[in-house]
Every structure is written in structure tokens, then in C-alpha cells.
Amino acid sequence: MSADDASWLHLDRRPRETLRAAVERALREAITGGALRAGTRLPSSRRLAESLGVSRGVTSEAYARLAGQGFLAARAKATPVVAEVWTASPRPDRAPAPVGRIRFDLTATTPDVTLFPANRWLAAMRAAIGQAPPRSFDYGDVRGAIELREALADYLGRVRGAVVDAERVVIVQGTAQGIDMLARVLAARGARRAVLNDPGLPSQWDRFVEAGLEVAGQPVDAEGLVVDGMHGDAVLTTPAHQFPTGAVLSGPRRRALLAWARGCGALVIEDDYDAEFRYGQESVPALQGLGPESVAYVGTASKTLMPALRLGWVVLPATLVAEAARLKNLLDAGSPTFPQRALAILLRSGEYERHLRRVRAVYRRRRDRLIAALDGHLPSLAVEGIAAGVHVLLRLPKDADDRAAAQRAERAGIRVAALSEFARASTGRGLVLGFGRLAEEDVEPAIAALARVLG
């Protein structure tokens, strides 16, 4: 571009904008938008003024202001040059359009958020705010509102068989933050290696890796986590309902796991996954109740109420409370107070458990229909997992490509996950079918459509 050429600049003056401001804005947008690249020599203020039909004072002032802001490099008796500044990157290519609309969402890790008791929650929030003492509006204990910690201590002891002291509870923003916090606590205490279920959620592996720990997978069978051969400073496990296999940690395995932890001074992190949803059988008590000084218990309201609340809790051994509280303070200075108080009201009133009974009945009907539909349309394939939670595992033949099957299902409007997506080692092939988002009347047509995909 020649120094005398100003044809590239279009002056579009906005309402109540001065001429100087309009020239300055037009030049700035040309620079940040990439039209004027670094090193480009601009016209003199006189030439620019003539081209735009404005006074030289207007262009001289615009140049001076842009030079002061760092957009131009100006020297005495020389025309300004565009400086090295940030410019907008080219827009990334748009993601390819989806092949077809998703008709049946069989995501295995999510609840039906339409079951959230909105009216009862609003009433609890109104009470939480209306009855709150003035101190509740200030920064509070980083471990969480004492009302919720005490209510959880009572509830978890009565319903889950946990041994809970409110002083050892830290309220977190869901299971994700709870596990991340524990991984950081372990790393700060010198831990080097964590053991995780394989298969399991990939995001859990990532949290320990980000904390600086080596991660090792440990296989899962029909009795849950295989304890033999474990080596590490901690283990993350889901005794109540393992994801994605649906196995429950057996009594002998529970005793062996706690003996292992005590013997090597390791921490067991118990993710009480899907513990609230069991159908036609008694729930298995929390592992933490058998070894409260060896187990950190993690629970959440994401499945029982909704993920958007970001409400969870960690029950800690006494030796980890201070460090966990310190880290929670660094992470976010404490979770929001009034949702905690609202949940405490639902727990104390019994409304939380009444809600669970209603939701449990809905999920049980969906699961019953799912099992019947699988038996009718795919009778040759085994269905694994206890009657609990919001997913089942459909085993495919060993030589099947489950990821390819999941992709074919997606193209047919069925969202489903492949078992191999959750595994580091070989665990066979299968599809993880969730029914949390699947309406009862959609179960039969969804499985019929899946059967056609699988051929």
C-alpha cells in the first residue's frame, strides 16, 4: 500500500460521534481486523484528511491518539506505521453439520432434569433467604453452611450408614470439584500414584494427572474393583454402582480394600455413584461406614436434583480436613450459601427423600421397559449391571467394533456411548445405554431402532 493511498478507509460516522472519534475508530478497526497489517506505512495526516474530506487537525489528533494507545508507531517528520498488535484470527472452520437429528438420547451419565422439584426448591430458597440471620449474607466457613453440613451428617448416617461429623464435611461444587480437591490434597501430602477403576470416567483420570499424580488402572469384574495387585497411595472407586459396568463391590472385596488401605496407609476415595437409585433391592451401605479414617466419601445432588445446582459434599478423615478446607478456600472461597441452606431445609423436612421416592419410581419403570425391550429386540446380547442407577451395559460380541456401532447409531438419531471409550485396557465391547433422558414411551422405539442399527 502506498503512503498516499487512503481508499481502503471508509468513514461511517455513528450518531453523536465526533469526526475525530470516527476516524480513530475506523483506523483501529482496520488494524485489529487485519486489514492494516503490522509495518504498513499510513498516509500523511494531510493526505488522509484530503481523502476523507475532513480537516487536517482531525486526522492529526486521531493519529496521535492511536500512537498513544500503541496501535501506531509515530516518528517526527515521518508518516505513522502500523505497530505489532493483536489482530483478530481468521474464523475457524464451522463444525460439520450433524448427519441427522438426535431422536433418542441414551446418554448414560445424566438424569432427567425435568423431574427437578422446582416449586419445592423455590419454596426452600425463599425460606432459606427469609429466615437467614444477617451473618449468612457475609463470607462464611469455607467448608460450607453449618446447616447443610449438620443435615447431611444426619441423613448420610441414617440412610447411607456413614459415620459423619459435620466438622469433617466440606461442601463442594459437585463430585468433580470434590475429587479434584482430594487429588490436590494427596499431591500436597507427597502422594505419587493413584489407582482408578478401569473402565471408568476419563475425566476422573484427568483430575489426578492434572494434580501431578501417576495414574494406574485396576480392572473391574462382577464383584467390583479387583483389589489384588494394587499399588498406590490412593484409590478412587464406586462401591455402590460402578460406572460403566454396573457392578457392586462385594463384601469380601470391601474388606480386602479396607485392609489394603490400612496396611499401606493409602486413602480410599468413595464416589457414592447412583447410591440413591436402587430398584427392588436394599441399598448397600457406604464403604466409609466401615473405615471412616481410611475413606473420603464423595456425594452429590447432581443426579438426585440437577447438575446445574453444582452441589456436592466430601466427608473426610480427620487428618485431611484442614488441608481440604485450605484448598477449598483457594479454589473459590466457599460454595454459594443459600442453595446449601435450601438443600438443608429439604433434608430436614423430609421433602428430599419424598422427591427421591418419586424419581426412583419413574426410573424403575423406564428400566423395566428397557430390559423388556432389549429382551425382545436383542435377545442374543447380554445385559449387565444391577437394577440401579440410570444406565445398563449391553455386551456386544468380542470381535465387534463398539465405537463404529455407536457412530452408526448416532447417524440413525440414537446417542449412545461405546464401552471402549471408558477403558484404558481391553474390557470387551459393549454399548452403555442410559435411560435418564429417555421418556417411558420412547424406550420401545429407541431399542427397536438400535436393534436395526446393530443388525
Protein backbone atom coordinates (compact mmCIF):
# COMPACT_ATOMS: atom_id res chain seq x y z
CA MET A 1 0.00 0.00 0.00
CA SER A 2 1.42 3.38 -0.95
CA ALA A 3 1.73 6.15 1.57
CA ASP A 4 -0.66 8.36 -0.38
CA ASP A 5 -3.39 5.72 -0.79
CA ALA A 6 -6.32 6.08 1.61
CA SER A 7 -9.03 4.44 -0.49
CA TRP A 8 -9.15 1.50 1.95
CA LEU A 9 -10.61 3.61 4.75
CA HIS A 10 -14.39 4.01 4.90
CA LEU A 11 -15.64 6.62 7.33
CA ASP A 12 -19.01 5.63 8.74
CA ARG A 13 -19.84 8.17 11.41
CA ARG A 14 -22.18 6.97 14.17
CA PRO A 15 -24.85 9.10 15.87
CA ARG A 16 -23.35 11.66 18.31
CA GLU A 17 -19.83 10.55 17.33
CA THR A 18 -17.27 13.30 16.63
CA LEU A 19 -15.29 13.29 13.38
CA ARG A 20 -12.06 12.64 15.26
CA ALA A 21 -13.62 9.68 17.13
CA ALA A 22 -15.00 8.27 13.88
CA VAL A 23 -11.60 8.44 12.14
CA GLU A 24 -9.86 6.94 15.16
CA ARG A 25 -12.38 4.08 15.39
CA ALA A 26 -12.19 3.33 11.66
CA LEU A 27 -8.40 3.12 11.79
CA ARG A 28 -8.41 0.99 14.94
CA GLU A 29 -10.93 -1.47 13.46
CA ALA A 30 -8.86 -1.74 10.28
CA ILE A 31 -5.79 -2.60 12.36
CA THR A 32 -7.40 -5.09 14.77
CA GLY A 33 -9.44 -6.65 11.97
CA GLY A 34 -6.30 -7.42 9.98
CA ALA A 35 -6.94 -5.05 7.04
CA LEU A 36 -3.89 -2.99 8.08
CA ARG A 37 -1.01 -5.29 8.93
CA ALA A 38 1.98 -4.52 11.13
CA GLY A 39 4.60 -2.48 9.26
CA THR A 40 2.13 -0.82 6.88
CA ARG A 41 3.02 2.87 6.31
CA LEU A 42 -0.07 5.09 6.50
CA PRO A 43 -0.78 8.26 4.51
CA SER A 44 0.28 11.58 5.97
CA SER A 45 -2.31 13.34 8.08
CA ARG A 46 -2.75 15.87 5.25
CA ARG A 47 -3.34 13.21 2.56
CA LEU A 48 -5.73 11.29 4.82
CA ALA A 49 -7.66 14.49 5.59
CA GLU A 50 -7.99 15.29 1.88
CA SER A 51 -9.17 11.76 1.10
CA LEU A 52 -11.80 11.80 3.85
CA GLY A 53 -12.87 15.41 3.37
CA VAL A 54 -12.06 16.47 6.93
CA SER A 55 -9.65 18.95 8.46
CA ARG A 56 -6.03 18.01 8.97
CA GLY A 57 -6.46 18.65 12.70
CA VAL A 58 -8.99 15.79 12.88
CA THR A 59 -6.62 13.26 11.29
CA SER A 60 -3.57 14.52 13.19
CA GLU A 61 -5.40 14.09 16.51
CA ALA A 62 -6.64 10.61 15.52
CA TYR A 63 -3.09 9.53 14.63
CA ALA A 64 -1.75 10.96 17.89
CA ARG A 65 -4.33 9.13 19.98
CA LEU A 66 -3.72 5.80 18.22
CA ALA A 67 0.03 6.23 18.67
CA GLY A 68 -0.55 6.87 22.37
CA GLN A 69 -2.63 3.69 22.58
CA GLY A 70 0.14 1.64 20.91
CA PHE A 71 -1.62 0.98 17.59
CA LEU A 72 0.76 3.17 15.59
CA ALA A 73 4.49 3.80 15.71
CA ALA A 74 4.99 7.52 15.05
CA ARG A 75 8.27 9.34 14.45
CA ALA A 76 8.95 13.03 13.99
CA LYS A 77 8.62 14.20 10.35
CA ALA A 78 7.63 10.67 9.23
CA THR A 79 4.29 9.12 8.38
CA PRO A 80 2.99 6.67 11.02
CA VAL A 81 3.46 2.91 10.69
CA VAL A 82 1.09 0.22 12.00
CA ALA A 83 2.57 -1.35 15.14
CA GLU A 84 2.63 -5.03 16.17
CA VAL A 85 -0.68 -5.50 17.97
CA TRP A 86 -3.24 -8.23 18.47
CA THR A 87 -5.42 -8.83 15.45
CA ALA A 88 -8.48 -10.98 15.06
CA SER A 89 -7.69 -14.55 13.98
CA PRO A 90 -9.49 -15.95 10.98
CA ARG A 91 -12.73 -17.61 11.93
CA PRO A 92 -12.29 -21.35 12.44
CA ASP A 93 -13.99 -23.66 10.04
CA ARG A 94 -17.50 -24.43 11.12
CA ALA A 95 -18.09 -27.85 12.58
CA PRO A 96 -19.73 -30.16 10.10
CA ALA A 97 -23.47 -30.17 10.34
CA PRO A 98 -24.89 -33.17 12.17
CA VAL A 99 -25.98 -36.01 9.94
CA GLY A 100 -29.40 -36.15 11.49
CA ARG A 101 -31.45 -35.02 14.43
CA ILE A 102 -31.00 -37.00 17.67
CA ARG A 103 -34.33 -38.69 18.32
CA PHE A 104 -33.30 -40.86 21.26
CA ASP A 105 -30.75 -39.66 23.82
CA LEU A 106 -29.28 -42.64 25.68
CA THR A 107 -26.55 -40.63 27.44
CA ALA A 108 -25.60 -42.77 30.41
CA THR A 109 -24.33 -40.19 32.92
CA THR A 110 -27.20 -37.71 33.15
CA PRO A 111 -30.53 -37.56 34.98
CA ASP A 112 -33.90 -36.35 33.75
CA VAL A 113 -33.71 -32.69 34.74
CA THR A 114 -37.43 -32.24 34.07
CA LEU A 115 -38.06 -34.19 37.29
CA PHE A 116 -36.44 -31.42 39.34
CA PRO A 117 -38.93 -30.28 42.05
CA ALA A 118 -38.87 -26.63 41.03
CA ASN A 119 -41.75 -25.44 43.22
CA ARG A 120 -40.41 -27.13 46.33
CA TRP A 121 -36.92 -25.80 45.62
CA LEU A 122 -38.23 -22.25 45.18
CA ALA A 123 -40.10 -22.50 48.45
CA ALA A 124 -36.97 -23.76 50.18
CA MET A 125 -34.90 -20.92 48.69
CA ARG A 126 -37.43 -18.34 49.86
CA ALA A 127 -37.30 -19.82 53.35
CA ALA A 128 -33.51 -20.02 53.24
CA ILE A 129 -33.23 -16.31 52.48
CA GLY A 130 -36.18 -15.13 54.54
CA GLN A 131 -35.10 -16.96 57.70
CA ALA A 132 -31.39 -16.31 57.32
CA PRO A 133 -29.57 -14.41 60.08
CA PRO A 134 -27.54 -11.38 58.87
CA ARG A 135 -24.26 -13.30 59.20
CA SER A 136 -25.39 -15.58 56.36
CA PHE A 137 -25.03 -12.73 53.87
CA ASP A 138 -21.32 -12.42 54.57
CA TYR A 139 -18.41 -14.72 53.78
CA GLY A 140 -18.81 -17.87 55.80
CA ASP A 141 -16.98 -21.04 56.70
CA VAL A 142 -15.23 -22.26 53.54
CA ARG A 143 -16.30 -25.79 54.44
CA GLY A 144 -19.91 -24.78 53.82
CA ALA A 145 -23.05 -23.72 55.68
CA ILE A 146 -23.23 -25.46 59.04
CA GLU A 147 -26.97 -26.06 58.49
CA LEU A 148 -26.27 -28.27 55.49
CA ARG A 149 -23.25 -29.99 57.00
CA GLU A 150 -25.30 -30.98 60.06
CA ALA A 151 -28.29 -32.07 57.95
CA LEU A 152 -26.01 -34.19 55.77
CA ALA A 153 -24.38 -35.75 58.82
CA ASP A 154 -27.81 -36.92 59.99
CA TYR A 155 -29.01 -38.01 56.54
CA LEU A 156 -25.87 -39.89 55.50
CA GLY A 157 -25.68 -41.65 58.84
CA ARG A 158 -29.32 -42.73 58.72
CA VAL A 159 -29.64 -43.55 55.01
CA ARG A 160 -26.13 -44.49 53.88
CA GLY A 161 -24.69 -45.91 57.10
CA ALA A 162 -21.83 -43.40 57.01
CA VAL A 163 -20.03 -42.15 60.11
CA VAL A 164 -20.22 -38.39 59.73
CA ASP A 165 -19.20 -35.47 61.91
CA ALA A 166 -20.33 -32.12 60.49
CA GLU A 167 -16.88 -30.73 61.26
CA ARG A 168 -15.40 -33.18 58.73
CA VAL A 169 -17.74 -32.24 55.88
CA VAL A 170 -16.69 -29.87 53.08
CA ILE A 171 -19.36 -28.67 50.66
CA VAL A 172 -18.09 -28.64 47.07
CA GLN A 173 -19.42 -27.83 43.63
CA GLY A 174 -20.24 -31.37 42.61
CA THR A 175 -18.28 -34.61 42.51
CA ALA A 176 -15.85 -33.07 40.00
CA GLN A 177 -14.59 -30.46 42.42
CA GLY A 178 -14.60 -32.90 45.33
CA ILE A 179 -12.34 -35.36 43.54
CA ASP A 180 -10.14 -32.60 42.17
CA MET A 181 -9.71 -31.21 45.68
CA LEU A 182 -8.78 -34.63 47.07
CA ALA A 183 -6.27 -35.22 44.27
CA ARG A 184 -4.60 -31.90 45.11
CA VAL A 185 -4.59 -32.70 48.84
CA LEU A 186 -2.93 -36.04 48.12
CA ALA A 187 -0.31 -34.45 45.89
CA ALA A 188 0.47 -31.82 48.53
CA ARG A 189 1.00 -34.60 51.08
CA GLY A 190 3.53 -36.34 48.85
CA ALA A 191 1.34 -38.96 47.17
CA ARG A 192 2.70 -40.15 43.85
CA ARG A 193 0.32 -42.77 42.45
CA ALA A 194 -3.48 -43.12 42.32
CA VAL A 195 -5.41 -46.23 41.29
CA LEU A 196 -8.69 -45.89 39.36
CA ASN A 197 -11.31 -48.31 38.09
CA ASP A 198 -10.74 -49.44 34.53
CA PRO A 199 -13.14 -48.93 32.80
CA GLY A 200 -14.22 -45.63 34.32
CA LEU A 201 -14.87 -41.98 33.54
CA PRO A 202 -11.92 -40.48 31.63
CA SER A 203 -12.40 -37.12 33.34
CA GLN A 204 -11.53 -38.72 36.68
CA TRP A 205 -8.17 -39.86 35.30
CA ASP A 206 -7.51 -36.33 34.07
CA ARG A 207 -8.08 -34.79 37.51
CA PHE A 208 -5.35 -36.89 39.11
CA VAL A 209 -2.96 -36.34 36.23
CA GLU A 210 -3.50 -32.57 36.45
CA ALA A 211 -2.73 -32.75 40.17
CA GLY A 212 0.64 -34.31 39.30
CA LEU A 213 -0.05 -37.93 40.22
CA GLU A 214 0.74 -41.04 38.22
CA VAL A 215 -2.47 -42.92 37.44
CA ALA A 216 -2.85 -46.69 37.15
CA GLY A 217 -5.92 -48.59 36.04
CA GLN A 218 -7.27 -51.53 38.03
CA PRO A 219 -9.71 -53.99 36.45
CA VAL A 220 -13.34 -54.43 37.46
CA ASP A 221 -15.25 -57.72 37.37
CA ALA A 222 -18.66 -58.93 38.54
CA GLU A 223 -17.68 -58.28 42.18
CA GLY A 224 -16.45 -54.77 41.52
CA LEU A 225 -12.90 -53.48 41.83
CA VAL A 226 -10.22 -56.20 41.79
CA VAL A 227 -8.10 -55.49 44.88
CA ASP A 228 -5.30 -57.99 44.27
CA GLY A 229 -2.16 -56.46 42.78
CA MET A 230 -2.96 -52.82 43.59
CA HIS A 231 -0.07 -50.44 44.26
CA GLY A 232 -0.63 -46.78 45.06
CA ASP A 233 -1.18 -44.04 47.61
CA ALA A 234 -4.90 -43.76 46.91
CA VAL A 235 -7.71 -45.48 45.05
CA LEU A 236 -10.87 -43.95 43.60
CA THR A 237 -13.73 -46.41 43.44
CA THR A 238 -17.53 -46.57 43.16
CA PRO A 239 -18.65 -49.36 45.52
CA ALA A 240 -22.43 -48.78 45.26
CA HIS A 241 -22.75 -48.90 41.47
CA GLN A 242 -19.68 -48.91 39.26
CA PHE A 243 -19.74 -46.92 36.04
CA PRO A 244 -19.98 -48.19 33.37
CA THR A 245 -20.18 -51.90 34.28
CA GLY A 246 -22.95 -51.54 36.88
CA ALA A 247 -21.15 -53.89 39.31
CA VAL A 248 -21.40 -53.61 43.10
CA LEU A 249 -18.34 -54.07 45.30
CA SER A 250 -18.89 -57.37 47.14
CA GLY A 251 -18.49 -57.87 50.87
CA PRO A 252 -15.18 -59.76 50.62
CA ARG A 253 -13.80 -57.12 48.25
CA ARG A 254 -14.86 -54.34 50.64
CA ARG A 255 -12.98 -55.95 53.50
CA ALA A 256 -9.96 -56.59 51.30
CA LEU A 257 -9.93 -52.99 50.05
CA LEU A 258 -10.03 -51.53 53.56
CA ALA A 259 -7.33 -53.95 54.73
CA TRP A 260 -5.17 -52.88 51.79
CA ALA A 261 -5.68 -49.19 52.64
CA ARG A 262 -4.85 -49.66 56.31
CA GLY A 263 -1.85 -51.82 55.51
CA CYS A 264 -0.15 -49.30 53.23
CA GLY A 265 -1.56 -46.07 54.65
CA ALA A 266 -3.47 -45.29 51.44
CA LEU A 267 -6.67 -43.28 51.07
CA VAL A 268 -9.83 -44.80 49.59
CA ILE A 269 -11.93 -42.19 47.76
CA GLU A 270 -15.51 -43.45 47.66
CA ASP A 271 -17.60 -41.92 44.90
CA ASP A 272 -21.10 -42.92 46.06
CA TYR A 273 -22.28 -43.07 42.45
CA ASP A 274 -26.03 -43.71 41.94
CA ALA A 275 -26.42 -44.93 45.53
CA GLU A 276 -29.88 -43.32 45.80
CA PHE A 277 -31.33 -45.28 42.88
CA ARG A 278 -31.79 -48.97 43.52
CA TYR A 279 -34.85 -50.88 42.34
CA GLY A 280 -36.30 -53.87 44.11
CA GLN A 281 -33.36 -54.45 46.44
CA GLU A 282 -31.87 -52.89 49.54
CA SER A 283 -29.13 -50.35 49.13
CA VAL A 284 -25.59 -51.27 50.08
CA PRO A 285 -24.26 -49.11 52.95
CA ALA A 286 -21.44 -46.71 52.25
CA LEU A 287 -17.96 -48.16 52.47
CA GLN A 288 -16.98 -45.16 54.59
CA GLY A 289 -19.03 -46.51 57.50
CA LEU A 290 -16.59 -49.42 57.80
CA GLY A 291 -13.44 -47.29 57.78
CA PRO A 292 -14.05 -43.56 58.34
CA GLU A 293 -10.34 -42.84 58.88
CA SER A 294 -9.30 -44.59 55.67
CA VAL A 295 -12.11 -43.40 53.37
CA ALA A 296 -13.00 -39.99 51.94
CA TYR A 297 -16.68 -40.11 50.95
CA VAL A 298 -17.91 -38.04 47.97
CA GLY A 299 -21.59 -37.41 47.26
CA THR A 300 -23.60 -35.08 45.04
CA ALA A 301 -27.06 -33.69 44.30
CA SER A 302 -26.40 -33.71 40.54
CA LYS A 303 -28.33 -36.93 39.88
CA THR A 304 -30.95 -36.56 42.61
CA LEU A 305 -31.85 -32.92 41.89
CA MET A 306 -29.98 -31.49 38.90
CA PRO A 307 -26.38 -30.96 37.76
CA ALA A 308 -26.78 -27.18 37.42
CA LEU A 309 -27.01 -26.76 41.21
CA ARG A 310 -23.31 -27.71 41.50
CA LEU A 311 -23.82 -29.08 44.99
CA GLY A 312 -21.75 -31.90 46.42
CA TRP A 313 -20.05 -32.91 49.64
CA VAL A 314 -16.93 -34.65 50.86
CA VAL A 315 -16.71 -36.41 54.23
CA LEU A 316 -13.06 -36.52 55.23
CA PRO A 317 -10.82 -38.42 57.63
CA ALA A 318 -9.81 -36.10 60.47
CA THR A 319 -6.24 -35.82 59.19
CA LEU A 320 -7.32 -34.26 55.87
CA VAL A 321 -9.90 -31.68 57.00
CA ALA A 322 -7.57 -28.71 57.49
CA GLU A 323 -5.76 -29.17 54.17
CA ALA A 324 -9.04 -29.70 52.28
CA ALA A 325 -10.50 -26.53 53.80
CA ARG A 326 -7.37 -24.59 52.85
CA LEU A 327 -7.62 -25.78 49.26
CA LYS A 328 -11.35 -25.07 49.07
CA ASN A 329 -10.61 -21.54 50.18
CA LEU A 330 -8.03 -21.17 47.41
CA LEU A 331 -10.35 -22.64 44.79
CA ASP A 332 -13.39 -20.41 45.33
CA ALA A 333 -13.55 -19.15 48.95
CA GLY A 334 -16.59 -21.36 49.55
CA SER A 335 -19.66 -22.56 47.66
CA PRO A 336 -22.80 -20.35 47.43
CA THR A 337 -24.58 -20.24 50.77
CA PHE A 338 -28.29 -20.09 50.00
CA PRO A 339 -28.57 -23.19 47.78
CA GLN A 340 -26.87 -25.01 50.66
CA ARG A 341 -29.42 -23.68 53.13
CA ALA A 342 -32.25 -24.64 50.76
CA LEU A 343 -30.98 -28.21 50.48
CA ALA A 344 -30.69 -28.36 54.27
CA ILE A 345 -34.37 -27.37 54.53
CA LEU A 346 -35.38 -30.14 52.08
CA LEU A 347 -33.33 -32.67 54.04
CA ARG A 348 -34.70 -31.63 57.44
CA SER A 349 -38.32 -31.55 56.23
CA GLY A 350 -38.16 -34.98 54.60
CA GLU A 351 -39.02 -33.45 51.21
CA TYR A 352 -35.72 -34.57 49.72
CA GLU A 353 -36.47 -38.22 50.47
CA ARG A 354 -40.06 -37.88 49.23
CA HIS A 355 -38.67 -36.48 45.98
CA LEU A 356 -36.24 -39.42 45.73
CA ARG A 357 -39.10 -41.89 46.11
CA ARG A 358 -41.00 -40.21 43.27
CA VAL A 359 -37.97 -40.12 40.96
CA ARG A 360 -36.97 -43.67 41.86
CA ALA A 361 -40.39 -44.92 40.74
CA VAL A 362 -40.03 -43.13 37.39
CA TYR A 363 -36.59 -44.56 36.70
CA ARG A 364 -37.62 -48.04 37.77
CA ARG A 365 -40.45 -48.07 35.21
CA ARG A 366 -38.09 -46.88 32.48
CA ARG A 367 -35.52 -49.52 33.36
CA ASP A 368 -38.14 -52.29 33.38
CA ARG A 369 -39.28 -51.23 29.92
CA LEU A 370 -35.69 -51.03 28.72
CA ILE A 371 -34.88 -54.56 29.88
CA ALA A 372 -38.08 -55.88 28.28
CA ALA A 373 -37.31 -54.09 25.01
CA LEU A 374 -33.75 -55.41 24.93
CA ASP A 375 -35.01 -58.91 25.61
CA GLY A 376 -37.49 -58.57 22.75
CA HIS A 377 -35.28 -56.92 20.12
CA LEU A 378 -31.75 -58.05 21.04
CA PRO A 379 -32.21 -61.35 22.91
CA SER A 380 -28.79 -62.70 21.99
CA LEU A 381 -26.91 -59.85 23.73
CA ALA A 382 -26.27 -59.90 27.48
CA VAL A 383 -27.36 -57.01 29.68
CA GLU A 384 -25.10 -56.34 32.68
CA GLY A 385 -25.42 -54.24 35.81
CA ILE A 386 -27.60 -54.45 38.87
CA ALA A 387 -31.05 -52.87 38.95
CA ALA A 388 -29.79 -49.43 39.92
CA GLY A 389 -28.84 -46.02 38.59
CA VAL A 390 -29.80 -44.74 35.16
CA HIS A 391 -27.81 -46.99 32.82
CA VAL A 392 -27.19 -50.59 31.79
CA LEU A 393 -24.35 -52.21 29.86
CA LEU A 394 -25.23 -54.06 26.66
CA ARG A 395 -22.45 -56.50 25.80
CA LEU A 396 -21.53 -56.92 22.13
CA PRO A 397 -19.59 -59.83 20.61
CA LYS A 398 -15.85 -59.71 21.36
CA ASP A 399 -14.96 -59.05 17.74
CA ALA A 400 -17.45 -56.16 17.41
CA ASP A 401 -16.32 -52.56 16.92
CA ASP A 402 -18.40 -50.80 19.57
CA ARG A 403 -17.22 -47.31 18.58
CA ALA A 404 -18.28 -47.89 15.00
CA ALA A 405 -21.63 -49.18 16.30
CA ALA A 406 -22.07 -46.01 18.37
CA GLN A 407 -21.27 -43.88 15.31
CA ARG A 408 -23.82 -45.75 13.20
CA ALA A 409 -26.38 -45.25 15.95
CA GLU A 410 -25.63 -41.50 16.02
CA ARG A 411 -26.25 -41.27 12.29
CA ALA A 412 -29.56 -43.04 12.86
CA GLY A 413 -30.55 -40.47 15.51
CA ILE A 414 -29.59 -42.51 18.60
CA ARG A 415 -26.99 -41.11 21.02
CA VAL A 416 -25.17 -43.90 22.85
CA ALA A 417 -21.64 -44.45 24.18
CA ALA A 418 -19.24 -47.29 23.43
CA LEU A 419 -17.81 -49.20 26.39
CA SER A 420 -14.28 -48.91 24.96
CA GLU A 421 -14.48 -45.12 25.30
CA PHE A 422 -14.20 -45.57 29.06
CA ALA A 423 -11.44 -48.21 29.10
CA ARG A 424 -7.65 -47.99 29.07
CA ALA A 425 -7.13 -51.74 28.92
CA SER A 426 -9.21 -54.26 26.99
CA THR A 427 -12.53 -54.89 28.72
CA GLY A 428 -14.54 -56.36 25.89
CA ARG A 429 -17.02 -54.50 23.72
CA GLY A 430 -20.41 -53.05 24.53
CA LEU A 431 -22.76 -50.10 24.50
CA VAL A 432 -23.61 -48.12 27.63
CA LEU A 433 -27.33 -47.36 27.48
CA GLY A 434 -28.71 -44.58 29.67
CA PHE A 435 -32.39 -44.17 30.39
CA GLY A 436 -32.22 -40.99 32.48
CA ARG A 437 -33.18 -38.83 29.48
CA LEU A 438 -35.39 -41.37 27.75
CA ALA A 439 -39.13 -40.87 28.19
CA GLU A 440 -41.00 -44.03 29.09
CA GLU A 441 -42.97 -44.05 25.82
CA ASP A 442 -39.72 -43.71 23.83
CA VAL A 443 -37.99 -46.76 25.28
CA GLU A 444 -39.52 -49.34 22.93
CA PRO A 445 -38.98 -47.37 19.68
CA ALA A 446 -35.44 -46.42 20.77
CA ILE A 447 -34.38 -50.02 21.30
CA ALA A 448 -36.15 -51.13 18.13
CA ALA A 449 -34.16 -48.51 16.21
CA LEU A 450 -30.93 -49.56 17.92
CA ALA A 451 -31.61 -53.21 17.00
CA ARG A 452 -31.88 -52.21 13.34
CA VAL A 453 -28.52 -50.41 13.57
CA LEU A 454 -26.83 -53.43 15.13
CA GLY A 455 -28.36 -55.68 12.50
